[in-house]
Amino acid sequence: MENADMQRAVETVQAARRNPSQKRSRERVERILSVASGIIEASGSDQMKMSEVAARAGISIGSLYQYFPDKAAIIRTLAEHYNALGRDCIGAALEGVSTPAELERAFSELVDTYYGMFLAEPVMRDIWSGTQADKALCDLDLADARANGDTLAAAMMRVAPGREADKVGSAALLIMHLGEATMRLAIQVGEEKGRALVDDYKRIVLREMLD
């Protein structure tokens, strides 16, 4: 991976807001993000207004703009948060994998965990549903898929070290990207059909991973 891609994507988001150095400022940022999450969960990001965020966070609109110049900056910061949680989850699940059986079990459980997160987190669903309309979010999404693809590729190479690394890396990136698309589709069709789609995705990609 393209650690440079990930770094550039994160820097793009960080450049859009003030980087708080003091404890009070960090706490204010956390309060802003918590308020924004509550509004998005209740009404969706389209309905979120900067004035409402400021009022609910107990700060002036000018103070809010010091940290986040616009609504998009808040949404991208929340996206960063969820992406980081996902990377940690994937890294922890695949870290000790060294056999085909371990890879199959770990990946299957990981997909189920991700689907559960989508079902449980309306803010995550809202943000990811709008990814294609925001270039900065698209860049973050791609950098995140590459990072997760690298993690999966490393596990696949441990399981089958004789495979061609470039092909494994390409397949792993595609698997992770298709996984996100599957989750979005699964949410749209309802839980029963969504679960069937998730199971189909696991069956298809596990054949590629373990081949």
C-alpha atoms as a PDB file:
ATOM      1  CA  MET A   1       0.000   0.000   0.000  1.00  0.00           C
ATOM      2  CA  GLU A   2       0.336   2.962  -0.744  1.00  0.00           C
ATOM      3  CA  ASN A   3       1.029   4.463   2.593  1.00  0.00           C
ATOM      4  CA  ALA A   4       1.411   7.739   0.735  1.00  0.00           C
ATOM      5  CA  ASP A   5      -2.186   7.469  -0.504  1.00  0.00           C
ATOM      6  CA  MET A   6      -3.474   6.950   3.013  1.00  0.00           C
ATOM      7  CA  GLN A   7      -1.369   9.811   4.360  1.00  0.00           C
ATOM      8  CA  ARG A   8      -2.561  12.192   1.647  1.00  0.00           C
ATOM      9  CA  ALA A   9      -6.201  11.285   2.258  1.00  0.00           C
ATOM     10  CA  VAL A  10      -5.887  11.854   5.996  1.00  0.00           C
ATOM     11  CA  GLU A  11      -4.001  15.117   5.480  1.00  0.00           C
ATOM     12  CA  THR A  12      -6.778  16.331   3.164  1.00  0.00           C
ATOM     13  CA  VAL A  13      -9.291  15.908   5.963  1.00  0.00           C
ATOM     14  CA  GLN A  14      -7.011  17.298   8.660  1.00  0.00           C
ATOM     15  CA  ALA A  15      -6.213  20.365   6.592  1.00  0.00           C
ATOM     16  CA  ALA A  16      -9.912  21.218   6.498  1.00  0.00           C
ATOM     17  CA  ARG A  17     -10.145  21.757  10.230  1.00  0.00           C
ATOM     18  CA  ARG A  18      -8.118  23.160  13.098  1.00  0.00           C
ATOM     19  CA  ASN A  19      -5.982  20.553  14.834  1.00  0.00           C
ATOM     20  CA  PRO A  20      -6.798  20.947  18.546  1.00  0.00           C
ATOM     21  CA  SER A  21      -3.729  20.880  20.791  1.00  0.00           C
ATOM     22  CA  GLN A  22      -5.265  21.584  24.186  1.00  0.00           C
ATOM     23  CA  LYS A  23      -7.454  19.274  26.223  1.00  0.00           C
ATOM     24  CA  ARG A  24     -10.338  21.746  26.254  1.00  0.00           C
ATOM     25  CA  SER A  25     -10.223  22.090  22.489  1.00  0.00           C
ATOM     26  CA  ARG A  26     -10.132  18.316  21.992  1.00  0.00           C
ATOM     27  CA  GLU A  27     -13.116  17.909  24.279  1.00  0.00           C
ATOM     28  CA  ARG A  28     -14.967  20.590  22.297  1.00  0.00           C
ATOM     29  CA  VAL A  29     -14.268  18.750  19.048  1.00  0.00           C
ATOM     30  CA  GLU A  30     -15.530  15.498  20.558  1.00  0.00           C
ATOM     31  CA  ARG A  31     -18.703  17.273  21.703  1.00  0.00           C
ATOM     32  CA  ILE A  32     -19.232  18.718  18.225  1.00  0.00           C
ATOM     33  CA  LEU A  33     -18.831  15.298  16.637  1.00  0.00           C
ATOM     34  CA  SER A  34     -21.159  13.700  19.193  1.00  0.00           C
ATOM     35  CA  VAL A  35     -23.832  16.314  18.510  1.00  0.00           C
ATOM     36  CA  ALA A  36     -23.408  15.921  14.759  1.00  0.00           C
ATOM     37  CA  SER A  37     -23.733  12.145  15.064  1.00  0.00           C
ATOM     38  CA  GLY A  38     -26.969  12.547  17.000  1.00  0.00           C
ATOM     39  CA  ILE A  39     -28.416  14.853  14.350  1.00  0.00           C
ATOM     40  CA  ILE A  40     -27.378  12.541  11.519  1.00  0.00           C
ATOM     41  CA  GLU A  41     -28.851   9.525  13.309  1.00  0.00           C
ATOM     42  CA  ALA A  42     -32.158  11.323  13.840  1.00  0.00           C
ATOM     43  CA  SER A  43     -32.531  13.216  10.574  1.00  0.00           C
ATOM     44  CA  GLY A  44     -29.715  12.333   8.162  1.00  0.00           C
ATOM     45  CA  SER A  45     -26.683  14.352   7.129  1.00  0.00           C
ATOM     46  CA  ASP A  46     -28.663  16.250   4.471  1.00  0.00           C
ATOM     47  CA  GLN A  47     -30.714  17.869   7.233  1.00  0.00           C
ATOM     48  CA  MET A  48     -27.766  18.748   9.447  1.00  0.00           C
ATOM     49  CA  LYS A  49     -27.185  22.500   9.757  1.00  0.00           C
ATOM     50  CA  MET A  50     -24.041  24.104  11.147  1.00  0.00           C
ATOM     51  CA  SER A  51     -26.165  26.489  13.237  1.00  0.00           C
ATOM     52  CA  GLU A  52     -27.948  23.550  14.869  1.00  0.00           C
ATOM     53  CA  VAL A  53     -24.663  21.781  15.603  1.00  0.00           C
ATOM     54  CA  ALA A  54     -23.289  24.925  17.249  1.00  0.00           C
ATOM     55  CA  ALA A  55     -26.428  25.477  19.311  1.00  0.00           C
ATOM     56  CA  ARG A  56     -26.597  21.893  20.555  1.00  0.00           C
ATOM     57  CA  ALA A  57     -22.876  21.841  21.303  1.00  0.00           C
ATOM     58  CA  GLY A  58     -23.221  25.027  23.337  1.00  0.00           C
ATOM     59  CA  ILE A  59     -20.764  27.069  21.298  1.00  0.00           C
ATOM     60  CA  SER A  60     -20.966  30.029  18.951  1.00  0.00           C
ATOM     61  CA  ILE A  61     -21.150  29.472  15.211  1.00  0.00           C
ATOM     62  CA  GLY A  62     -17.806  31.272  14.925  1.00  0.00           C
ATOM     63  CA  SER A  63     -16.196  28.793  17.323  1.00  0.00           C
ATOM     64  CA  LEU A  64     -17.624  25.912  15.334  1.00  0.00           C
ATOM     65  CA  TYR A  65     -16.116  27.264  12.122  1.00  0.00           C
ATOM     66  CA  GLN A  66     -12.713  27.451  13.823  1.00  0.00           C
ATOM     67  CA  TYR A  67     -12.734  23.667  14.057  1.00  0.00           C
ATOM     68  CA  PHE A  68     -14.816  22.691  11.046  1.00  0.00           C
ATOM     69  CA  PRO A  69     -15.126  25.127   8.126  1.00  0.00           C
ATOM     70  CA  ASP A  70     -18.234  23.421   6.780  1.00  0.00           C
ATOM     71  CA  LYS A  71     -20.584  20.472   7.197  1.00  0.00           C
ATOM     72  CA  ALA A  72     -18.507  18.336   4.847  1.00  0.00           C
ATOM     73  CA  ALA A  73     -15.511  18.620   7.182  1.00  0.00           C
ATOM     74  CA  ILE A  74     -17.573  17.198  10.055  1.00  0.00           C
ATOM     75  CA  ILE A  75     -18.813  14.325   7.909  1.00  0.00           C
ATOM     76  CA  ARG A  76     -15.309  13.511   6.685  1.00  0.00           C
ATOM     77  CA  THR A  77     -14.012  13.461  10.250  1.00  0.00           C
ATOM     78  CA  LEU A  78     -16.747  11.022  11.237  1.00  0.00           C
ATOM     79  CA  ALA A  79     -15.878   8.924   8.176  1.00  0.00           C
ATOM     80  CA  GLU A  80     -12.254   8.888   9.324  1.00  0.00           C
ATOM     81  CA  HIS A  81     -13.391   7.610  12.697  1.00  0.00           C
ATOM     82  CA  TYR A  82     -15.430   4.745  11.272  1.00  0.00           C
ATOM     83  CA  ASN A  83     -12.692   3.821   8.800  1.00  0.00           C
ATOM     84  CA  ALA A  84     -10.169   3.643  11.638  1.00  0.00           C
ATOM     85  CA  LEU A  85     -12.484   1.374  13.628  1.00  0.00           C
ATOM     86  CA  GLY A  86     -12.847  -0.873  10.593  1.00  0.00           C
ATOM     87  CA  ARG A  87      -9.093  -1.078   9.986  1.00  0.00           C
ATOM     88  CA  ASP A  88      -8.489  -1.980  13.622  1.00  0.00           C
ATOM     89  CA  CYS A  89     -11.169  -4.668  13.454  1.00  0.00           C
ATOM     90  CA  ILE A  90      -9.736  -6.168  10.252  1.00  0.00           C
ATOM     91  CA  GLY A  91      -6.172  -6.044  11.526  1.00  0.00           C
ATOM     92  CA  ALA A  92      -7.081  -7.770  14.781  1.00  0.00           C
ATOM     93  CA  ALA A  93      -9.113 -10.472  13.020  1.00  0.00           C
ATOM     94  CA  LEU A  94      -6.446 -11.370  10.448  1.00  0.00           C
ATOM     95  CA  GLU A  95      -3.270 -10.825  12.456  1.00  0.00           C
ATOM     96  CA  GLY A  96      -2.771 -14.405  13.611  1.00  0.00           C
ATOM     97  CA  VAL A  97      -4.089 -16.172  10.507  1.00  0.00           C
ATOM     98  CA  SER A  98      -1.665 -18.742   9.073  1.00  0.00           C
ATOM     99  CA  THR A  99      -3.758 -21.644   7.698  1.00  0.00           C
ATOM    100  CA  PRO A 100      -6.602 -21.866   5.160  1.00  0.00           C
ATOM    101  CA  ALA A 101      -9.041 -22.906   7.888  1.00  0.00           C
ATOM    102  CA  GLU A 102      -8.055 -19.954  10.048  1.00  0.00           C
ATOM    103  CA  LEU A 103      -8.381 -17.552   7.141  1.00  0.00           C
ATOM    104  CA  GLU A 104     -11.806 -18.908   6.198  1.00  0.00           C
ATOM    105  CA  ARG A 105     -13.086 -18.662   9.759  1.00  0.00           C
ATOM    106  CA  ALA A 106     -11.578 -15.238  10.473  1.00  0.00           C
ATOM    107  CA  PHE A 107     -12.792 -13.665   7.232  1.00  0.00           C
ATOM    108  CA  SER A 108     -16.283 -15.105   7.557  1.00  0.00           C
ATOM    109  CA  GLU A 109     -16.587 -13.783  11.108  1.00  0.00           C
ATOM    110  CA  LEU A 110     -15.179 -10.448  10.002  1.00  0.00           C
ATOM    111  CA  VAL A 111     -17.810 -10.033   7.276  1.00  0.00           C
ATOM    112  CA  ASP A 112     -20.550 -10.852   9.786  1.00  0.00           C
ATOM    113  CA  THR A 113     -19.118  -8.288  12.190  1.00  0.00           C
ATOM    114  CA  TYR A 114     -19.053  -5.628   9.478  1.00  0.00           C
ATOM    115  CA  TYR A 115     -22.641  -6.347   8.499  1.00  0.00           C
ATOM    116  CA  GLY A 116     -23.639  -6.066  12.149  1.00  0.00           C
ATOM    117  CA  MET A 117     -21.910  -2.683  12.326  1.00  0.00           C
ATOM    118  CA  PHE A 118     -23.845  -1.471   9.292  1.00  0.00           C
ATOM    119  CA  LEU A 119     -27.114  -2.591  10.840  1.00  0.00           C
ATOM    120  CA  ALA A 120     -26.322  -0.991  14.193  1.00  0.00           C
ATOM    121  CA  GLU A 121     -24.779   2.299  13.051  1.00  0.00           C
ATOM    122  CA  PRO A 122     -27.144   4.623  11.157  1.00  0.00           C
ATOM    123  CA  VAL A 123     -24.482   7.333  11.101  1.00  0.00           C
ATOM    124  CA  MET A 124     -22.063   4.979   9.335  1.00  0.00           C
ATOM    125  CA  ARG A 125     -24.743   4.046   6.808  1.00  0.00           C
ATOM    126  CA  ASP A 126     -25.578   7.669   6.141  1.00  0.00           C
ATOM    127  CA  ILE A 127     -21.969   8.705   5.615  1.00  0.00           C
ATOM    128  CA  TRP A 128     -21.061   5.765   3.389  1.00  0.00           C
ATOM    129  CA  SER A 129     -24.208   6.180   1.303  1.00  0.00           C
ATOM    130  CA  GLY A 130     -22.994   9.646   0.339  1.00  0.00           C
ATOM    131  CA  THR A 131     -19.415   8.673  -0.385  1.00  0.00           C
ATOM    132  CA  GLN A 132     -19.645   8.789  -4.177  1.00  0.00           C
ATOM    133  CA  ALA A 133     -20.884  12.377  -4.120  1.00  0.00           C
ATOM    134  CA  ASP A 134     -17.864  13.733  -2.225  1.00  0.00           C
ATOM    135  CA  LYS A 135     -14.390  13.510  -3.747  1.00  0.00           C
ATOM    136  CA  ALA A 136     -12.610  13.764  -0.401  1.00  0.00           C
ATOM    137  CA  LEU A 137     -14.769  10.937   0.967  1.00  0.00           C
ATOM    138  CA  CYS A 138     -14.038   8.918  -2.184  1.00  0.00           C
ATOM    139  CA  ASP A 139     -10.309   9.424  -1.622  1.00  0.00           C
ATOM    140  CA  LEU A 140     -10.625   8.334   1.999  1.00  0.00           C
ATOM    141  CA  ASP A 141     -12.698   5.327   0.962  1.00  0.00           C
ATOM    142  CA  LEU A 142     -10.120   4.251  -1.625  1.00  0.00           C
ATOM    143  CA  ALA A 143      -7.197   4.720   0.750  1.00  0.00           C
ATOM    144  CA  ASP A 144      -9.070   2.713   3.388  1.00  0.00           C
ATOM    145  CA  ALA A 145      -9.833  -0.094   0.908  1.00  0.00           C
ATOM    146  CA  ARG A 146      -6.154  -0.232  -0.044  1.00  0.00           C
ATOM    147  CA  ALA A 147      -5.037  -0.404   3.570  1.00  0.00           C
ATOM    148  CA  ASN A 148      -7.534  -3.169   4.318  1.00  0.00           C
ATOM    149  CA  GLY A 149      -6.582  -4.930   1.088  1.00  0.00           C
ATOM    150  CA  ASP A 150      -2.942  -4.928   2.176  1.00  0.00           C
ATOM    151  CA  THR A 151      -3.925  -6.489   5.495  1.00  0.00           C
ATOM    152  CA  LEU A 152      -5.930  -9.191   3.754  1.00  0.00           C
ATOM    153  CA  ALA A 153      -3.194  -9.802   1.155  1.00  0.00           C
ATOM    154  CA  ALA A 154      -0.640 -10.325   3.923  1.00  0.00           C
ATOM    155  CA  ALA A 155      -2.888 -12.951   5.510  1.00  0.00           C
ATOM    156  CA  MET A 156      -3.457 -14.651   2.150  1.00  0.00           C
ATOM    157  CA  MET A 157       0.295 -14.797   1.517  1.00  0.00           C
ATOM    158  CA  ARG A 158       0.917 -16.323   4.942  1.00  0.00           C
ATOM    159  CA  VAL A 159      -1.622 -19.016   4.147  1.00  0.00           C
ATOM    160  CA  ALA A 160      -0.249 -19.694   0.641  1.00  0.00           C
ATOM    161  CA  PRO A 161       3.254 -18.160   0.338  1.00  0.00           C
ATOM    162  CA  GLY A 162       3.776 -19.592  -3.134  1.00  0.00           C
ATOM    163  CA  ARG A 163       1.169 -17.352  -4.747  1.00  0.00           C
ATOM    164  CA  GLU A 164       2.139 -14.375  -6.865  1.00  0.00           C
ATOM    165  CA  ALA A 165       2.170 -11.349  -4.575  1.00  0.00           C
ATOM    166  CA  ASP A 166       0.919  -8.827  -7.135  1.00  0.00           C
ATOM    167  CA  LYS A 167      -2.071 -10.958  -8.065  1.00  0.00           C
ATOM    168  CA  VAL A 168      -2.885 -11.590  -4.415  1.00  0.00           C
ATOM    169  CA  GLY A 169      -2.702  -7.867  -3.693  1.00  0.00           C
ATOM    170  CA  SER A 170      -5.017  -7.039  -6.580  1.00  0.00           C
ATOM    171  CA  ALA A 171      -7.509  -9.724  -5.556  1.00  0.00           C
ATOM    172  CA  ALA A 172      -7.440  -8.595  -1.918  1.00  0.00           C
ATOM    173  CA  LEU A 173      -8.151  -4.982  -2.867  1.00  0.00           C
ATOM    174  CA  LEU A 174     -11.064  -6.074  -5.053  1.00  0.00           C
ATOM    175  CA  ILE A 175     -12.415  -8.313  -2.293  1.00  0.00           C
ATOM    176  CA  MET A 176     -12.416  -5.448   0.193  1.00  0.00           C
ATOM    177  CA  HIS A 177     -13.955  -2.993  -2.266  1.00  0.00           C
ATOM    178  CA  LEU A 178     -16.692  -5.447  -3.224  1.00  0.00           C
ATOM    179  CA  GLY A 179     -17.288  -6.112   0.457  1.00  0.00           C
ATOM    180  CA  GLU A 180     -18.191  -2.477   1.069  1.00  0.00           C
ATOM    181  CA  ALA A 181     -20.480  -2.472  -1.967  1.00  0.00           C
ATOM    182  CA  THR A 182     -22.149  -5.647  -0.706  1.00  0.00           C
ATOM    183  CA  MET A 183     -22.803  -4.077   2.689  1.00  0.00           C
ATOM    184  CA  ARG A 184     -24.429  -1.033   1.135  1.00  0.00           C
ATOM    185  CA  LEU A 185     -26.652  -3.188  -1.057  1.00  0.00           C
ATOM    186  CA  ALA A 186     -27.526  -5.497   1.834  1.00  0.00           C
ATOM    187  CA  ILE A 187     -28.742  -2.560   3.900  1.00  0.00           C
ATOM    188  CA  GLN A 188     -30.968  -1.353   1.062  1.00  0.00           C
ATOM    189  CA  VAL A 189     -32.837  -4.627   0.529  1.00  0.00           C
ATOM    190  CA  GLY A 190     -33.779  -5.398   4.127  1.00  0.00           C
ATOM    191  CA  GLU A 191     -32.205  -7.663   6.702  1.00  0.00           C
ATOM    192  CA  GLU A 192     -33.435 -11.051   5.424  1.00  0.00           C
ATOM    193  CA  LYS A 193     -32.347 -10.496   1.827  1.00  0.00           C
ATOM    194  CA  GLY A 194     -29.322  -8.585   3.048  1.00  0.00           C
ATOM    195  CA  ARG A 195     -28.119 -11.547   5.066  1.00  0.00           C
ATOM    196  CA  ALA A 196     -28.471 -13.779   1.991  1.00  0.00           C
ATOM    197  CA  LEU A 197     -26.381 -11.326  -0.055  1.00  0.00           C
ATOM    198  CA  VAL A 198     -23.699 -11.233   2.620  1.00  0.00           C
ATOM    199  CA  ASP A 199     -23.581 -15.026   2.720  1.00  0.00           C
ATOM    200  CA  ASP A 200     -23.294 -15.152  -1.080  1.00  0.00           C
ATOM    201  CA  TYR A 201     -20.441 -12.645  -0.965  1.00  0.00           C
ATOM    202  CA  LYS A 202     -18.585 -14.750   1.601  1.00  0.00           C
ATOM    203  CA  ARG A 203     -19.008 -17.910  -0.439  1.00  0.00           C
ATOM    204  CA  ILE A 204     -17.780 -16.266  -3.655  1.00  0.00           C
ATOM    205  CA  VAL A 205     -14.730 -14.499  -2.229  1.00  0.00           C
ATOM    206  CA  LEU A 206     -13.650 -17.379  -0.016  1.00  0.00           C
ATOM    207  CA  ARG A 207     -13.248 -19.494  -3.156  1.00  0.00           C
ATOM    208  CA  GLU A 208     -10.854 -16.879  -4.536  1.00  0.00           C
ATOM    209  CA  MET A 209      -8.992 -16.443  -1.272  1.00  0.00           C
ATOM    210  CA  LEU A 210      -8.463 -20.157  -0.654  1.00  0.00           C
ATOM    211  CA  ASP A 211      -7.906 -21.252  -4.261  1.00  0.00           C
END
